[in-house]
Amino acid sequence: MERLDVEDGFDVHDYRHGLKLHAQERETMHLENRDGFACPACGDEFDRLFVSEKRENSFGDPATSFCVVRTDGQILLLTH
């Protein structure tokens, strides 16, 4: 299982073959993991990925476990 590499930031184009874009706005993206990529935080396969370049983000109750990863310019929220 390939783990998302966020060492030098996250570039969705490196993983576009296995991520399906569900929604995109100017500073955010919501993607589905269709290729079984592993979470960069815990190493387990994740279901959904939210990527944001915003300074502030708020979320409702995801009703599932999740991991948060910070790069220099982004916040990644991965649900399992």
PDB file of N, CA and C in Angstrom:
ATOM      1  N   MET A   1       0.852  -1.169   0.000  1.00  0.00           N
ATOM      2  CA  MET A   1       0.000   0.000   0.000  1.00  0.00           C
ATOM      3  C   MET A   1       0.902   1.237   0.000  1.00  0.00           C
ATOM      4  N   GLU A   2       0.717   2.095  -0.984  1.00  0.00           N
ATOM      5  CA  GLU A   2       1.535   3.307  -1.114  1.00  0.00           C
ATOM      6  C   GLU A   2       1.060   4.373  -0.130  1.00  0.00           C
ATOM      7  N   ARG A   3       1.992   4.910   0.629  1.00  0.00           N
ATOM      8  CA  ARG A   3       1.689   5.952   1.606  1.00  0.00           C
ATOM      9  C   ARG A   3       1.826   7.327   0.943  1.00  0.00           C
ATOM     10  N   LEU A   4       0.890   8.238   1.216  1.00  0.00           N
ATOM     11  CA  LEU A   4       1.007   9.588   0.683  1.00  0.00           C
ATOM     12  C   LEU A   4       2.270  10.230   1.230  1.00  0.00           C
ATOM     13  N   ASP A   5       3.068  10.797   0.348  1.00  0.00           N
ATOM     14  CA  ASP A   5       4.311  11.460   0.741  1.00  0.00           C
ATOM     15  C   ASP A   5       4.033  12.947   0.918  1.00  0.00           C
ATOM     16  N   VAL A   6       4.194  13.435   2.136  1.00  0.00           N
ATOM     17  CA  VAL A   6       3.958  14.849   2.428  1.00  0.00           C
ATOM     18  C   VAL A   6       5.224  15.531   2.944  1.00  0.00           C
ATOM     19  N   GLU A   7       6.353  14.885   2.758  1.00  0.00           N
ATOM     20  CA  GLU A   7       7.634  15.409   3.248  1.00  0.00           C
ATOM     21  C   GLU A   7       7.918  16.818   2.729  1.00  0.00           C
ATOM     22  N   ASP A   8       7.655  17.060   1.456  1.00  0.00           N
ATOM     23  CA  ASP A   8       7.885  18.380   0.853  1.00  0.00           C
ATOM     24  C   ASP A   8       6.568  19.025   0.441  1.00  0.00           C
ATOM     25  N   GLY A   9       5.519  18.818   1.223  1.00  0.00           N
ATOM     26  CA  GLY A   9       4.189  19.300   0.872  1.00  0.00           C
ATOM     27  C   GLY A   9       3.415  18.200   0.167  1.00  0.00           C
ATOM     28  N   PHE A  10       2.169  18.472  -0.140  1.00  0.00           N
ATOM     29  CA  PHE A  10       1.318  17.490  -0.805  1.00  0.00           C
ATOM     30  C   PHE A  10       0.907  18.030  -2.168  1.00  0.00           C
ATOM     31  N   ASP A  11       1.139  17.244  -3.212  1.00  0.00           N
ATOM     32  CA  ASP A  11       0.732  17.599  -4.569  1.00  0.00           C
ATOM     33  C   ASP A  11      -0.254  16.543  -5.056  1.00  0.00           C
ATOM     34  N   VAL A  12      -1.508  16.919  -5.181  1.00  0.00           N
ATOM     35  CA  VAL A  12      -2.555  15.979  -5.577  1.00  0.00           C
ATOM     36  C   VAL A  12      -2.257  15.349  -6.934  1.00  0.00           C
ATOM     37  N   HIS A  13      -1.535  16.034  -7.791  1.00  0.00           N
ATOM     38  CA  HIS A  13      -1.232  15.504  -9.124  1.00  0.00           C
ATOM     39  C   HIS A  13      -0.343  14.258  -9.069  1.00  0.00           C
ATOM     40  N   ASP A  14       0.414  14.103  -7.995  1.00  0.00           N
ATOM     41  CA  ASP A  14       1.237  12.903  -7.837  1.00  0.00           C
ATOM     42  C   ASP A  14       0.389  11.654  -7.587  1.00  0.00           C
ATOM     43  N   TYR A  15      -0.858  11.834  -7.148  1.00  0.00           N
ATOM     44  CA  TYR A  15      -1.726  10.715  -6.773  1.00  0.00           C
ATOM     45  C   TYR A  15      -3.057  10.728  -7.518  1.00  0.00           C
ATOM     46  N   ARG A  16      -3.186  11.543  -8.558  1.00  0.00           N
ATOM     47  CA  ARG A  16      -4.475  11.702  -9.231  1.00  0.00           C
ATOM     48  C   ARG A  16      -5.004  10.417  -9.840  1.00  0.00           C
ATOM     49  N   HIS A  17      -4.122   9.451 -10.125  1.00  0.00           N
ATOM     50  CA  HIS A  17      -4.575   8.180 -10.693  1.00  0.00           C
ATOM     51  C   HIS A  17      -5.435   7.388  -9.711  1.00  0.00           C
ATOM     52  N   GLY A  18      -5.326   7.667  -8.419  1.00  0.00           N
ATOM     53  CA  GLY A  18      -6.088   6.908  -7.438  1.00  0.00           C
ATOM     54  C   GLY A  18      -6.991   7.725  -6.545  1.00  0.00           C
ATOM     55  N   LEU A  19      -7.062   9.036  -6.769  1.00  0.00           N
ATOM     56  CA  LEU A  19      -7.930   9.906  -5.981  1.00  0.00           C
ATOM     57  C   LEU A  19      -9.002  10.501  -6.881  1.00  0.00           C
ATOM     58  N   LYS A  20     -10.261  10.401  -6.456  1.00  0.00           N
ATOM     59  CA  LYS A  20     -11.362  10.990  -7.228  1.00  0.00           C
ATOM     60  C   LYS A  20     -11.765  12.305  -6.579  1.00  0.00           C
ATOM     61  N   LEU A  21     -11.753  13.352  -7.359  1.00  0.00           N
ATOM     62  CA  LEU A  21     -12.144  14.670  -6.878  1.00  0.00           C
ATOM     63  C   LEU A  21     -13.659  14.741  -6.739  1.00  0.00           C
ATOM     64  N   HIS A  22     -14.135  15.086  -5.528  1.00  0.00           N
ATOM     65  CA  HIS A  22     -15.577  15.246  -5.296  1.00  0.00           C
ATOM     66  C   HIS A  22     -15.987  16.710  -5.297  1.00  0.00           C
ATOM     67  N   ALA A  23     -15.141  17.569  -4.765  1.00  0.00           N
ATOM     68  CA  ALA A  23     -15.455  19.002  -4.719  1.00  0.00           C
ATOM     69  C   ALA A  23     -14.159  19.787  -4.654  1.00  0.00           C
ATOM     70  N   GLN A  24     -14.179  20.953  -5.273  1.00  0.00           N
ATOM     71  CA  GLN A  24     -13.003  21.814  -5.226  1.00  0.00           C
ATOM     72  C   GLN A  24     -13.453  23.260  -5.209  1.00  0.00           C
ATOM     73  N   GLU A  25     -12.871  24.020  -4.320  1.00  0.00           N
ATOM     74  CA  GLU A  25     -13.058  25.458  -4.268  1.00  0.00           C
ATOM     75  C   GLU A  25     -11.682  26.092  -4.389  1.00  0.00           C
ATOM     76  N   ARG A  26     -11.613  27.377  -4.240  1.00  0.00           N
ATOM     77  CA  ARG A  26     -10.341  28.081  -4.443  1.00  0.00           C
ATOM     78  C   ARG A  26      -9.221  27.539  -3.561  1.00  0.00           C
ATOM     79  N   GLU A  27      -9.505  27.290  -2.282  1.00  0.00           N
ATOM     80  CA  GLU A  27      -8.462  26.870  -1.345  1.00  0.00           C
ATOM     81  C   GLU A  27      -8.684  25.486  -0.740  1.00  0.00           C
ATOM     82  N   THR A  28      -9.676  24.746  -1.213  1.00  0.00           N
ATOM     83  CA  THR A  28      -9.966  23.433  -0.636  1.00  0.00           C
ATOM     84  C   THR A  28     -10.290  22.401  -1.713  1.00  0.00           C
ATOM     85  N   MET A  29     -10.046  21.130  -1.362  1.00  0.00           N
ATOM     86  CA  MET A  29     -10.402  19.992  -2.216  1.00  0.00           C
ATOM     87  C   MET A  29     -10.915  18.865  -1.332  1.00  0.00           C
ATOM     88  N   HIS A  30     -11.891  18.131  -1.817  1.00  0.00           N
ATOM     89  CA  HIS A  30     -12.411  16.947  -1.139  1.00  0.00           C
ATOM     90  C   HIS A  30     -12.278  15.780  -2.110  1.00  0.00           C
ATOM     91  N   LEU A  31     -11.516  14.746  -1.689  1.00  0.00           N
ATOM     92  CA  LEU A  31     -11.183  13.636  -2.584  1.00  0.00           C
ATOM     93  C   LEU A  31     -11.530  12.292  -1.951  1.00  0.00           C
ATOM     94  N   GLU A  32     -11.780  11.309  -2.794  1.00  0.00           N
ATOM     95  CA  GLU A  32     -12.023   9.930  -2.369  1.00  0.00           C
ATOM     96  C   GLU A  32     -10.816   9.079  -2.744  1.00  0.00           C
ATOM     97  N   ASN A  33     -10.403   8.225  -1.828  1.00  0.00           N
ATOM     98  CA  ASN A  33      -9.269   7.322  -2.042  1.00  0.00           C
ATOM     99  C   ASN A  33      -9.769   6.069  -2.760  1.00  0.00           C
ATOM    100  N   ARG A  34      -9.504   5.952  -4.040  1.00  0.00           N
ATOM    101  CA  ARG A  34      -9.962   4.797  -4.821  1.00  0.00           C
ATOM    102  C   ARG A  34      -8.858   3.791  -5.104  1.00  0.00           C
ATOM    103  N   ASP A  35      -7.652   4.072  -4.623  1.00  0.00           N
ATOM    104  CA  ASP A  35      -6.525   3.194  -4.936  1.00  0.00           C
ATOM    105  C   ASP A  35      -5.881   2.597  -3.691  1.00  0.00           C
ATOM    106  N   GLY A  36      -6.501   2.773  -2.532  1.00  0.00           N
ATOM    107  CA  GLY A  36      -5.981   2.169  -1.307  1.00  0.00           C
ATOM    108  C   GLY A  36      -4.729   2.821  -0.758  1.00  0.00           C
ATOM    109  N   PHE A  37      -4.545   4.117  -1.004  1.00  0.00           N
ATOM    110  CA  PHE A  37      -3.381   4.809  -0.452  1.00  0.00           C
ATOM    111  C   PHE A  37      -3.414   4.773   1.073  1.00  0.00           C
ATOM    112  N   ALA A  38      -2.230   4.802   1.671  1.00  0.00           N
ATOM    113  CA  ALA A  38      -2.108   4.797   3.128  1.00  0.00           C
ATOM    114  C   ALA A  38      -1.987   6.224   3.650  1.00  0.00           C
ATOM    115  N   CYS A  39      -2.518   6.428   4.832  1.00  0.00           N
ATOM    116  CA  CYS A  39      -2.481   7.716   5.517  1.00  0.00           C
ATOM    117  C   CYS A  39      -1.042   8.059   5.905  1.00  0.00           C
ATOM    118  N   PRO A  40      -0.601   9.293   5.670  1.00  0.00           N
ATOM    119  CA  PRO A  40       0.761   9.667   6.048  1.00  0.00           C
ATOM    120  C   PRO A  40       0.957   9.774   7.558  1.00  0.00           C
ATOM    121  N   ALA A  41      -0.127   9.874   8.326  1.00  0.00           N
ATOM    122  CA  ALA A  41      -0.019   9.993   9.780  1.00  0.00           C
ATOM    123  C   ALA A  41       0.049   8.634  10.471  1.00  0.00           C
ATOM    124  N   CYS A  42      -0.876   7.726  10.122  1.00  0.00           N
ATOM    125  CA  CYS A  42      -0.960   6.456  10.855  1.00  0.00           C
ATOM    126  C   CYS A  42      -0.574   5.235  10.023  1.00  0.00           C
ATOM    127  N   GLY A  43      -0.545   5.365   8.701  1.00  0.00           N
ATOM    128  CA  GLY A  43      -0.180   4.243   7.841  1.00  0.00           C
ATOM    129  C   GLY A  43      -1.335   3.358   7.415  1.00  0.00           C
ATOM    130  N   ASP A  44      -2.536   3.578   7.974  1.00  0.00           N
ATOM    131  CA  ASP A  44      -3.711   2.799   7.580  1.00  0.00           C
ATOM    132  C   ASP A  44      -4.335   3.388   6.314  1.00  0.00           C
ATOM    133  N   GLU A  45      -5.065   2.568   5.597  1.00  0.00           N
ATOM    134  CA  GLU A  45      -5.785   3.053   4.422  1.00  0.00           C
ATOM    135  C   GLU A  45      -6.843   4.061   4.869  1.00  0.00           C
ATOM    136  N   PHE A  46      -7.011   5.134   4.113  1.00  0.00           N
ATOM    137  CA  PHE A  46      -8.030   6.131   4.438  1.00  0.00           C
ATOM    138  C   PHE A  46      -9.118   6.119   3.370  1.00  0.00           C
ATOM    139  N   ASP A  47     -10.287   6.674   3.724  1.00  0.00           N
ATOM    140  CA  ASP A  47     -11.422   6.717   2.802  1.00  0.00           C
ATOM    141  C   ASP A  47     -11.492   8.032   2.032  1.00  0.00           C
ATOM    142  N   ARG A  48     -11.467   9.131   2.769  1.00  0.00           N
ATOM    143  CA  ARG A  48     -11.631  10.463   2.180  1.00  0.00           C
ATOM    144  C   ARG A  48     -10.488  11.371   2.607  1.00  0.00           C
ATOM    145  N   LEU A  49     -10.226  12.368   1.781  1.00  0.00           N
ATOM    146  CA  LEU A  49      -9.148  13.323   2.036  1.00  0.00           C
ATOM    147  C   LEU A  49      -9.666  14.727   1.780  1.00  0.00           C
ATOM    148  N   PHE A  50      -9.502  15.590   2.773  1.00  0.00           N
ATOM    149  CA  PHE A  50      -9.831  17.004   2.638  1.00  0.00           C
ATOM    150  C   PHE A  50      -8.522  17.768   2.702  1.00  0.00           C
ATOM    151  N   VAL A  51      -8.244  18.590   1.689  1.00  0.00           N
ATOM    152  CA  VAL A  51      -7.009  19.377   1.618  1.00  0.00           C
ATOM    153  C   VAL A  51      -7.393  20.846   1.638  1.00  0.00           C
ATOM    154  N   SER A  52      -6.759  21.613   2.538  1.00  0.00           N
ATOM    155  CA  SER A  52      -7.081  23.025   2.647  1.00  0.00           C
ATOM    156  C   SER A  52      -5.825  23.875   2.756  1.00  0.00           C
ATOM    157  N   GLU A  53      -5.860  25.005   2.072  1.00  0.00           N
ATOM    158  CA  GLU A  53      -4.805  26.008   2.202  1.00  0.00           C
ATOM    159  C   GLU A  53      -5.267  27.168   3.076  1.00  0.00           C
ATOM    160  N   LYS A  54      -6.489  27.084   3.612  1.00  0.00           N
ATOM    161  CA  LYS A  54      -7.027  28.131   4.485  1.00  0.00           C
ATOM    162  C   LYS A  54      -6.334  28.094   5.843  1.00  0.00           C
ATOM    163  N   ARG A  55      -6.282  29.251   6.492  1.00  0.00           N
ATOM    164  CA  ARG A  55      -5.718  29.313   7.846  1.00  0.00           C
ATOM    165  C   ARG A  55      -6.690  28.727   8.862  1.00  0.00           C
ATOM    166  N   GLU A  56      -7.989  28.922   8.659  1.00  0.00           N
ATOM    167  CA  GLU A  56      -9.001  28.408   9.578  1.00  0.00           C
ATOM    168  C   GLU A  56      -9.947  27.482   8.827  1.00  0.00           C
ATOM    169  N   ASN A  57     -10.284  26.374   9.463  1.00  0.00           N
ATOM    170  CA  ASN A  57     -11.243  25.418   8.921  1.00  0.00           C
ATOM    171  C   ASN A  57     -12.110  24.941  10.068  1.00  0.00           C
ATOM    172  N   SER A  58     -13.371  24.682   9.805  1.00  0.00           N
ATOM    173  CA  SER A  58     -14.233  24.100  10.828  1.00  0.00           C
ATOM    174  C   SER A  58     -14.943  22.898  10.220  1.00  0.00           C
ATOM    175  N   PHE A  59     -15.195  21.909  11.061  1.00  0.00           N
ATOM    176  CA  PHE A  59     -15.774  20.650  10.609  1.00  0.00           C
ATOM    177  C   PHE A  59     -16.885  20.241  11.557  1.00  0.00           C
ATOM    178  N   GLY A  60     -17.885  19.602  11.017  1.00  0.00           N
ATOM    179  CA  GLY A  60     -18.902  18.990  11.848  1.00  0.00           C
ATOM    180  C   GLY A  60     -18.366  17.677  12.397  1.00  0.00           C
ATOM    181  N   ASP A  61     -19.196  16.919  13.041  1.00  0.00           N
ATOM    182  CA  ASP A  61     -18.807  15.620  13.587  1.00  0.00           C
ATOM    183  C   ASP A  61     -18.653  14.629  12.435  1.00  0.00           C
ATOM    184  N   PRO A  62     -17.428  14.148  12.167  1.00  0.00           N
ATOM    185  CA  PRO A  62     -17.241  13.230  11.037  1.00  0.00           C
ATOM    186  C   PRO A  62     -17.797  11.831  11.293  1.00  0.00           C
ATOM    187  N   ALA A  63     -18.139  11.509  12.538  1.00  0.00           N
ATOM    188  CA  ALA A  63     -18.700  10.203  12.906  1.00  0.00           C
ATOM    189  C   ALA A  63     -17.783   9.039  12.536  1.00  0.00           C
ATOM    190  N   THR A  64     -16.503   9.307  12.421  1.00  0.00           N
ATOM    191  CA  THR A  64     -15.521   8.269  12.121  1.00  0.00           C
ATOM    192  C   THR A  64     -14.164   8.738  12.623  1.00  0.00           C
ATOM    193  N   SER A  65     -13.206   7.840  12.683  1.00  0.00           N
ATOM    194  CA  SER A  65     -11.867   8.260  13.103  1.00  0.00           C
ATOM    195  C   SER A  65     -11.208   9.051  11.979  1.00  0.00           C
ATOM    196  N   PHE A  66     -10.293   9.943  12.356  1.00  0.00           N
ATOM    197  CA  PHE A  66      -9.615  10.760  11.354  1.00  0.00           C
ATOM    198  C   PHE A  66      -8.213  11.118  11.822  1.00  0.00           C
ATOM    199  N   CYS A  67      -7.372  11.486  10.866  1.00  0.00           N
ATOM    200  CA  CYS A  67      -6.015  11.961  11.129  1.00  0.00           C
ATOM    201  C   CYS A  67      -5.873  13.343  10.505  1.00  0.00           C
ATOM    202  N   VAL A  68      -5.006  14.157  11.090  1.00  0.00           N
ATOM    203  CA  VAL A  68      -4.717  15.487  10.565  1.00  0.00           C
ATOM    204  C   VAL A  68      -3.218  15.582  10.327  1.00  0.00           C
ATOM    205  N   VAL A  69      -2.846  16.062   9.146  1.00  0.00           N
ATOM    206  CA  VAL A  69      -1.437  16.230   8.781  1.00  0.00           C
ATOM    207  C   VAL A  69      -1.251  17.673   8.322  1.00  0.00           C
ATOM    208  N   ARG A  70      -0.184  18.300   8.786  1.00  0.00           N
ATOM    209  CA  ARG A  70       0.103  19.680   8.390  1.00  0.00           C
ATOM    210  C   ARG A  70       1.376  19.710   7.562  1.00  0.00           C
ATOM    211  N   THR A  71       1.314  20.385   6.425  1.00  0.00           N
ATOM    212  CA  THR A  71       2.511  20.659   5.633  1.00  0.00           C
ATOM    213  C   THR A  71       2.780  22.157   5.769  1.00  0.00           C
ATOM    214  N   ASP A  72       3.780  22.663   5.104  1.00  0.00           N
ATOM    215  CA  ASP A  72       4.068  24.097   5.197  1.00  0.00           C
ATOM    216  C   ASP A  72       2.912  24.965   4.720  1.00  0.00           C
ATOM    217  N   GLY A  73       2.176  24.517   3.719  1.00  0.00           N
ATOM    218  CA  GLY A  73       1.114  25.353   3.166  1.00  0.00           C
ATOM    219  C   GLY A  73      -0.278  24.765   3.208  1.00  0.00           C
ATOM    220  N   GLN A  74      -0.424  23.558   3.791  1.00  0.00           N
ATOM    221  CA  GLN A  74      -1.718  22.884   3.737  1.00  0.00           C
ATOM    222  C   GLN A  74      -2.020  22.145   5.037  1.00  0.00           C
ATOM    223  N   ILE A  75      -3.311  21.917   5.237  1.00  0.00           N
ATOM    224  CA  ILE A  75      -3.811  21.008   6.262  1.00  0.00           C
ATOM    225  C   ILE A  75      -4.503  19.876   5.512  1.00  0.00           C
ATOM    226  N   LEU A  76      -4.192  18.631   5.884  1.00  0.00           N
ATOM    227  CA  LEU A  76      -4.852  17.464   5.302  1.00  0.00           C
ATOM    228  C   LEU A  76      -5.629  16.771   6.407  1.00  0.00           C
ATOM    229  N   LEU A  77      -6.913  16.531   6.180  1.00  0.00           N
ATOM    230  CA  LEU A  77      -7.743  15.770   7.097  1.00  0.00           C
ATOM    231  C   LEU A  77      -8.133  14.495   6.370  1.00  0.00           C
ATOM    232  N   LEU A  78      -7.787  13.354   6.963  1.00  0.00           N
ATOM    233  CA  LEU A  78      -8.038  12.054   6.337  1.00  0.00           C
ATOM    234  C   LEU A  78      -8.992  11.268   7.219  1.00  0.00           C
ATOM    235  N   THR A  79     -10.121  10.823   6.660  1.00  0.00           N
ATOM    236  CA  THR A  79     -11.067  10.016   7.425  1.00  0.00           C
ATOM    237  C   THR A  79     -10.838   8.545   7.121  1.00  0.00           C
ATOM    238  N   HIS A  80     -11.075   7.715   8.141  1.00  0.00           N
ATOM    239  CA  HIS A  80     -10.854   6.269   8.017  1.00  0.00           C
ATOM    240  C   HIS A  80     -12.166   5.519   8.146  1.00  0.00           C
TER     241      HIS A  80
END
